[in-house]
C-alpha atoms as a PDB file:
ATOM      1  CA  LEU A   1     -11.606 -25.273 -29.673  1.00  0.00           C
ATOM      2  CA  ARG A   2     -10.242 -21.604 -30.190  1.00  0.00           C
ATOM      3  CA  ARG A   3     -13.604 -20.067 -29.136  1.00  0.00           C
ATOM      4  CA  ALA A   4     -13.854 -22.448 -26.005  1.00  0.00           C
ATOM      5  CA  GLU A   5     -10.238 -21.440 -25.000  1.00  0.00           C
ATOM      6  CA  LEU A   6     -10.940 -17.852 -25.326  1.00  0.00           C
ATOM      7  CA  ALA A   7     -14.176 -17.836 -23.564  1.00  0.00           C
ATOM      8  CA  SER A   8     -12.748 -19.850 -20.670  1.00  0.00           C
ATOM      9  CA  ARG A   9      -9.671 -17.718 -20.445  1.00  0.00           C
ATOM     10  CA  SER A  10      -7.697 -20.590 -21.063  1.00  0.00           C
ATOM     11  CA  GLY A  11      -4.778 -21.991 -23.527  1.00  0.00           C
ATOM     12  CA  ASN A  12      -2.612 -24.569 -24.253  1.00  0.00           C
ATOM     13  CA  TRP A  13       1.202 -25.451 -24.906  1.00  0.00           C
ATOM     14  CA  GLU A  14       3.271 -28.163 -25.573  1.00  0.00           C
ATOM     15  CA  PHE A  15       7.101 -29.067 -26.058  1.00  0.00           C
ATOM     16  CA  ILE A  16       9.363 -32.029 -26.580  1.00  0.00           C
ATOM     17  CA  SER A  17      11.464 -32.816 -23.417  1.00  0.00           C
ATOM     18  CA  GLY A  18      15.051 -31.706 -24.100  1.00  0.00           C
ATOM     19  CA  SER A  19      14.092 -29.182 -26.723  1.00  0.00           C
ATOM     20  CA  ASP A  20      14.308 -25.422 -26.338  1.00  0.00           C
ATOM     21  CA  LYS A  21      10.906 -24.783 -28.099  1.00  0.00           C
ATOM     22  CA  VAL A  22       7.253 -24.310 -26.651  1.00  0.00           C
ATOM     23  CA  VAL A  23       4.402 -24.076 -28.877  1.00  0.00           C
ATOM     24  CA  ALA A  24       1.471 -22.198 -27.692  1.00  0.00           C
ATOM     25  CA  SER A  25      -2.120 -21.948 -28.785  1.00  0.00           C
ATOM     26  CA  GLU A  26      -3.703 -18.261 -29.166  1.00  0.00           C
ATOM     27  CA  GLY A  27      -5.366 -18.599 -25.698  1.00  0.00           C
ATOM     28  CA  ALA A  28      -1.868 -19.264 -24.116  1.00  0.00           C
ATOM     29  CA  ARG A  29      -0.465 -16.226 -26.007  1.00  0.00           C
ATOM     30  CA  ILE A  30      -2.985 -14.036 -24.707  1.00  0.00           C
ATOM     31  CA  ILE A  31      -2.688 -15.276 -21.234  1.00  0.00           C
ATOM     32  CA  TYR A  32       1.013 -14.751 -21.257  1.00  0.00           C
ATOM     33  CA  GLY A  33       1.001 -11.576 -23.411  1.00  0.00           C
ATOM     34  CA  VAL A  34       3.548 -12.649 -25.831  1.00  0.00           C
ATOM     35  CA  GLU A  35       3.578 -12.727 -29.559  1.00  0.00           C
ATOM     36  CA  GLY A  36       4.247 -15.787 -32.038  1.00  0.00           C
ATOM     37  CA  SER A  37       3.250 -19.381 -31.519  1.00  0.00           C
ATOM     38  CA  GLU A  38       6.745 -20.681 -30.675  1.00  0.00           C
ATOM     39  CA  TRP A  39       8.628 -19.461 -27.827  1.00  0.00           C
ATOM     40  CA  SER A  40      11.940 -20.375 -26.347  1.00  0.00           C
ATOM     41  CA  MET A  41      12.078 -22.302 -22.932  1.00  0.00           C
ATOM     42  CA  PRO A  42      14.263 -19.755 -21.424  1.00  0.00           C
ATOM     43  CA  GLU A  43      12.275 -16.845 -22.790  1.00  0.00           C
ATOM     44  CA  LEU A  44       9.028 -18.522 -21.206  1.00  0.00           C
ATOM     45  CA  GLN A  45      10.869 -19.103 -17.696  1.00  0.00           C
ATOM     46  CA  GLN A  46      11.249 -15.523 -17.149  1.00  0.00           C
ATOM     47  CA  ILE A  47       7.332 -14.983 -17.109  1.00  0.00           C
ATOM     48  CA  PRO A  48       6.415 -16.584 -13.869  1.00  0.00           C
ATOM     49  CA  LEU A  49       7.516 -14.711 -10.805  1.00  0.00           C
ATOM     50  CA  PRO A  50      10.841 -15.580  -9.493  1.00  0.00           C
ATOM     51  CA  GLU A  51       9.391 -17.140  -6.245  1.00  0.00           C
ATOM     52  CA  TYR A  52       7.560 -19.729  -8.426  1.00  0.00           C
ATOM     53  CA  ARG A  53      10.481 -20.808 -10.713  1.00  0.00           C
ATOM     54  CA  GLY A  54      11.889 -23.402  -8.357  1.00  0.00           C
ATOM     55  CA  MET A  55       8.384 -25.017  -7.802  1.00  0.00           C
ATOM     56  CA  LEU A  56       7.732 -25.123 -11.456  1.00  0.00           C
ATOM     57  CA  ASP A  57      10.871 -26.536 -12.477  1.00  0.00           C
ATOM     58  CA  CYS A  58      10.687 -29.299  -9.704  1.00  0.00           C
ATOM     59  CA  GLU A  59       6.903 -30.059 -10.961  1.00  0.00           C
ATOM     60  CA  LEU A  60       8.099 -30.487 -14.484  1.00  0.00           C
ATOM     61  CA  LYS A  61      11.020 -32.536 -13.376  1.00  0.00           C
ATOM     62  CA  GLY A  62       8.674 -34.840 -11.545  1.00  0.00           C
ATOM     63  CA  LEU A  63       6.195 -35.135 -14.382  1.00  0.00           C
ATOM     64  CA  ILE A  64       8.722 -36.208 -16.867  1.00  0.00           C
ATOM     65  CA  GLU A  65      11.086 -38.111 -14.654  1.00  0.00           C
ATOM     66  CA  LYS A  66       8.658 -39.825 -12.102  1.00  0.00           C
ATOM     67  CA  GLY A  67       5.221 -39.529 -14.050  1.00  0.00           C
ATOM     68  CA  GLU A  68       3.997 -37.447 -10.884  1.00  0.00           C
ATOM     69  CA  ALA A  69       0.726 -35.098 -11.551  1.00  0.00           C
ATOM     70  CA  TYR A  70       1.560 -31.762 -12.728  1.00  0.00           C
ATOM     71  CA  ASN A  71      -1.328 -29.528 -11.468  1.00  0.00           C
ATOM     72  CA  VAL A  72       0.304 -26.103 -10.370  1.00  0.00           C
ATOM     73  CA  GLU A  73      -0.871 -22.522  -9.542  1.00  0.00           C
ATOM     74  CA  PHE A  74       1.470 -19.635  -9.745  1.00  0.00           C
ATOM     75  CA  LYS A  75       1.566 -15.983 -10.638  1.00  0.00           C
ATOM     76  CA  ILE A  76       3.012 -14.225 -13.593  1.00  0.00           C
ATOM     77  CA  ARG A  77       4.004 -10.850 -14.734  1.00  0.00           C
ATOM     78  CA  ARG A  78       2.855 -10.205 -18.230  1.00  0.00           C
ATOM     79  CA  PRO A  79       5.715  -8.809 -20.256  1.00  0.00           C
ATOM     80  CA  PRO A  80       3.776  -6.136 -22.355  1.00  0.00           C
ATOM     81  CA  ASP A  81       1.953  -4.544 -19.373  1.00  0.00           C
ATOM     82  CA  GLY A  82       3.572  -5.837 -16.126  1.00  0.00           C
ATOM     83  CA  ARG A  83       0.121  -6.863 -15.021  1.00  0.00           C
ATOM     84  CA  ILE A  84       0.449  -9.904 -12.392  1.00  0.00           C
ATOM     85  CA  ILE A  85      -2.138 -12.411 -13.005  1.00  0.00           C
ATOM     86  CA  ASP A  86      -2.912 -15.880 -11.271  1.00  0.00           C
ATOM     87  CA  ILE A  87      -2.512 -19.181 -13.416  1.00  0.00           C
ATOM     88  CA  HIS A  88      -3.633 -22.808 -13.167  1.00  0.00           C
ATOM     89  CA  SER A  89      -1.741 -25.279 -15.304  1.00  0.00           C
ATOM     90  CA  ILE A  90      -2.010 -28.955 -15.738  1.00  0.00           C
ATOM     91  CA  ALA A  91       0.229 -31.170 -18.040  1.00  0.00           C
ATOM     92  CA  GLU A  92       0.584 -34.598 -18.997  1.00  0.00           C
ATOM     93  CA  TYR A  93       3.855 -36.363 -20.683  1.00  0.00           C
ATOM     94  CA  GLU A  94       3.763 -38.816 -23.119  1.00  0.00           C
ATOM     95  CA  PRO A  95       7.283 -40.970 -22.857  1.00  0.00           C
ATOM     96  CA  GLU A  96       7.285 -42.428 -26.092  1.00  0.00           C
ATOM     97  CA  GLY A  97       7.716 -39.016 -28.032  1.00  0.00           C
ATOM     98  CA  GLY A  98       8.898 -37.083 -25.066  1.00  0.00           C
ATOM     99  CA  ARG A  99       6.206 -34.796 -25.595  1.00  0.00           C
ATOM    100  CA  VAL A 100       4.734 -32.538 -22.413  1.00  0.00           C
ATOM    101  CA  PHE A 101       1.172 -31.190 -23.200  1.00  0.00           C
ATOM    102  CA  GLY A 102      -0.187 -28.528 -20.877  1.00  0.00           C
ATOM    103  CA  VAL A 103      -3.341 -26.431 -20.271  1.00  0.00           C
ATOM    104  CA  ILE A 104      -3.214 -23.084 -18.579  1.00  0.00           C
ATOM    105  CA  GLN A 105      -5.872 -20.849 -17.264  1.00  0.00           C
ATOM    106  CA  ASP A 106      -6.415 -17.197 -16.143  1.00  0.00           C
ATOM    107  CA  ILE A 107      -7.653 -17.741 -12.412  1.00  0.00           C
ATOM    108  CA  THR A 108      -7.120 -14.228 -11.438  1.00  0.00           C
ATOM    109  CA  GLU A 109     -10.734 -13.309 -11.084  1.00  0.00           C
ATOM    110  CA  ARG A 110     -11.674 -16.360  -9.059  1.00  0.00           C
ATOM    111  CA  LYS A 111      -8.642 -15.821  -6.653  1.00  0.00           C
ATOM    112  CA  GLN A 112      -9.721 -12.291  -6.125  1.00  0.00           C
ATOM    113  CA  ALA A 113     -13.205 -13.540  -5.281  1.00  0.00           C
ATOM    114  CA  GLN A 114     -11.973 -16.345  -3.115  1.00  0.00           C
ATOM    115  CA  GLN A 115      -9.827 -13.570  -1.239  1.00  0.00           C
ATOM    116  CA  ALA A 116     -12.761 -11.389  -0.837  1.00  0.00           C
ATOM    117  CA  LEU A 117     -14.870 -14.301   0.491  1.00  0.00           C
ATOM    118  CA  GLU A 118     -12.174 -14.991   3.089  1.00  0.00           C
ATOM    119  CA  GLU A 119     -11.845 -11.442   4.128  1.00  0.00           C
ATOM    120  CA  ALA A 120     -15.787 -11.171   4.489  1.00  0.00           C
ATOM    121  CA  GLU A 121     -15.569 -14.410   6.713  1.00  0.00           C
ATOM    122  CA  ARG A 122     -13.109 -12.801   8.739  1.00  0.00           C
ATOM    123  CA  LYS A 123     -14.961  -9.824   9.329  1.00  0.00           C
ATOM    124  CA  TYR A 124     -18.214 -11.767  10.246  1.00  0.00           C
ATOM    125  CA  HIS A 125     -16.255 -13.792  12.698  1.00  0.00           C
ATOM    126  CA  SER A 126     -14.841 -11.053  14.224  1.00  0.00           C
ATOM    127  CA  ILE A 127     -18.031  -9.077  14.795  1.00  0.00           C
ATOM    128  CA  PHE A 128     -19.866 -12.342  15.864  1.00  0.00           C
ATOM    129  CA  GLU A 129     -17.018 -12.965  18.517  1.00  0.00           C
ATOM    130  CA  ASN A 130     -16.617  -9.290  19.759  1.00  0.00           C
ATOM    131  CA  ALA A 131     -20.195  -8.114  19.839  1.00  0.00           C
ATOM    132  CA  MET A 132     -21.586  -6.953  23.105  1.00  0.00           C
ATOM    133  CA  GLU A 133     -25.030  -8.273  22.214  1.00  0.00           C
ATOM    134  CA  GLY A 134     -25.732 -11.983  22.388  1.00  0.00           C
ATOM    135  CA  ILE A 135     -26.076 -13.681  19.063  1.00  0.00           C
ATOM    136  CA  PHE A 136     -26.843 -17.464  18.435  1.00  0.00           C
ATOM    137  CA  GLN A 137     -27.976 -19.371  15.524  1.00  0.00           C
ATOM    138  CA  VAL A 138     -30.298 -22.333  15.206  1.00  0.00           C
ATOM    139  CA  ARG A 139     -30.704 -25.011  12.614  1.00  0.00           C
ATOM    140  CA  GLU A 140     -33.987 -25.496  10.940  1.00  0.00           C
ATOM    141  CA  ASP A 141     -34.936 -28.182  13.298  1.00  0.00           C
ATOM    142  CA  GLY A 142     -34.452 -25.691  16.227  1.00  0.00           C
ATOM    143  CA  SER A 143     -31.017 -27.167  17.599  1.00  0.00           C
ATOM    144  CA  MET A 144     -28.567 -24.619  18.452  1.00  0.00           C
ATOM    145  CA  LEU A 145     -25.806 -24.291  16.164  1.00  0.00           C
ATOM    146  CA  THR A 146     -23.402 -21.599  17.671  1.00  0.00           C
ATOM    147  CA  ALA A 147     -23.588 -18.679  19.868  1.00  0.00           C
ATOM    148  CA  ASN A 148     -21.118 -15.896  20.514  1.00  0.00           C
ATOM    149  CA  PRO A 149     -19.166 -15.378  24.008  1.00  0.00           C
ATOM    150  CA  ALA A 150     -21.573 -12.552  24.696  1.00  0.00           C
ATOM    151  CA  MET A 151     -24.542 -14.771  24.760  1.00  0.00           C
ATOM    152  CA  ALA A 152     -23.058 -17.140  26.979  1.00  0.00           C
ATOM    153  CA  ARG A 153     -22.093 -14.450  29.472  1.00  0.00           C
ATOM    154  CA  ILE A 154     -25.531 -12.790  29.244  1.00  0.00           C
ATOM    155  CA  LEU A 155     -26.966 -16.259  30.441  1.00  0.00           C
ATOM    156  CA  GLY A 156     -24.497 -16.655  33.164  1.00  0.00           C
ATOM    157  CA  TYR A 157     -21.869 -19.104  31.696  1.00  0.00           C
ATOM    158  CA  GLY A 158     -18.321 -18.768  31.881  1.00  0.00           C
ATOM    159  CA  THR A 159     -17.580 -19.928  28.254  1.00  0.00           C
ATOM    160  CA  THR A 160     -19.387 -20.330  25.095  1.00  0.00           C
ATOM    161  CA  GLN A 161     -18.531 -24.051  24.975  1.00  0.00           C
ATOM    162  CA  GLU A 162     -20.078 -24.431  28.424  1.00  0.00           C
ATOM    163  CA  PHE A 163     -23.409 -22.839  27.314  1.00  0.00           C
ATOM    164  CA  MET A 164     -23.301 -24.970  24.034  1.00  0.00           C
ATOM    165  CA  GLU A 165     -22.583 -28.124  26.158  1.00  0.00           C
ATOM    166  CA  ASP A 166     -25.602 -27.366  28.300  1.00  0.00           C
ATOM    167  CA  VAL A 167     -28.053 -26.519  25.552  1.00  0.00           C
ATOM    168  CA  SER A 168     -26.899 -29.770  23.869  1.00  0.00           C
ATOM    169  CA  ASN A 169     -27.785 -31.763  27.158  1.00  0.00           C
ATOM    170  CA  LEU A 170     -31.181 -29.895  27.097  1.00  0.00           C
ATOM    171  CA  GLU A 171     -31.933 -30.367  23.417  1.00  0.00           C
ATOM    172  CA  GLN A 172     -31.561 -34.143  24.264  1.00  0.00           C
ATOM    173  CA  HIS A 173     -34.420 -33.932  26.393  1.00  0.00           C
ATOM    174  CA  LEU A 174     -36.823 -31.603  24.663  1.00  0.00           C
ATOM    175  CA  TYR A 175     -38.488 -31.852  21.256  1.00  0.00           C
ATOM    176  CA  ILE A 176     -38.629 -28.615  19.689  1.00  0.00           C
ATOM    177  CA  GLU A 177     -41.047 -28.804  16.615  1.00  0.00           C
ATOM    178  CA  PRO A 178     -39.682 -27.339  13.400  1.00  0.00           C
ATOM    179  CA  GLY A 179     -40.621 -24.055  12.653  1.00  0.00           C
ATOM    180  CA  HIS A 180     -41.761 -23.166  16.309  1.00  0.00           C
END
């Protein structure tokens, strides 16, 4: 379990509702950058960035008092180095013993990759929409997928939508053999 936690950049934690102590695995300690296997709740609550504190308290209260799902993403500032990282945490509550058990995972790399992909998509759409050359995409079956405004303008249409509707009407009357 320890090796799995470290390899997946995850960890676990637990505490008894109403107590001040949080017990954490080695993986959680590494993510949070804190020493010791026991932390005080007030100490731990200082690690997430302040803008997430209210949400985290509300989610924990909803878990304990209403049995609502605890599945949150937030950012922390690691105490030893000040590095800000993205965290995903899920938790369950056992009412019999008042025990909350949670898992955290460092999702910083995933978030950075997601942001890079979103930026690349914005750039692609900007180039596609603003190009002076006509650009279009077709599906494998030969039907029109999309076209840019320049393509519509070059072919004499007022808008891309008019062009796409006209192409769609033509496709209904024509059979285009795939690959041709």
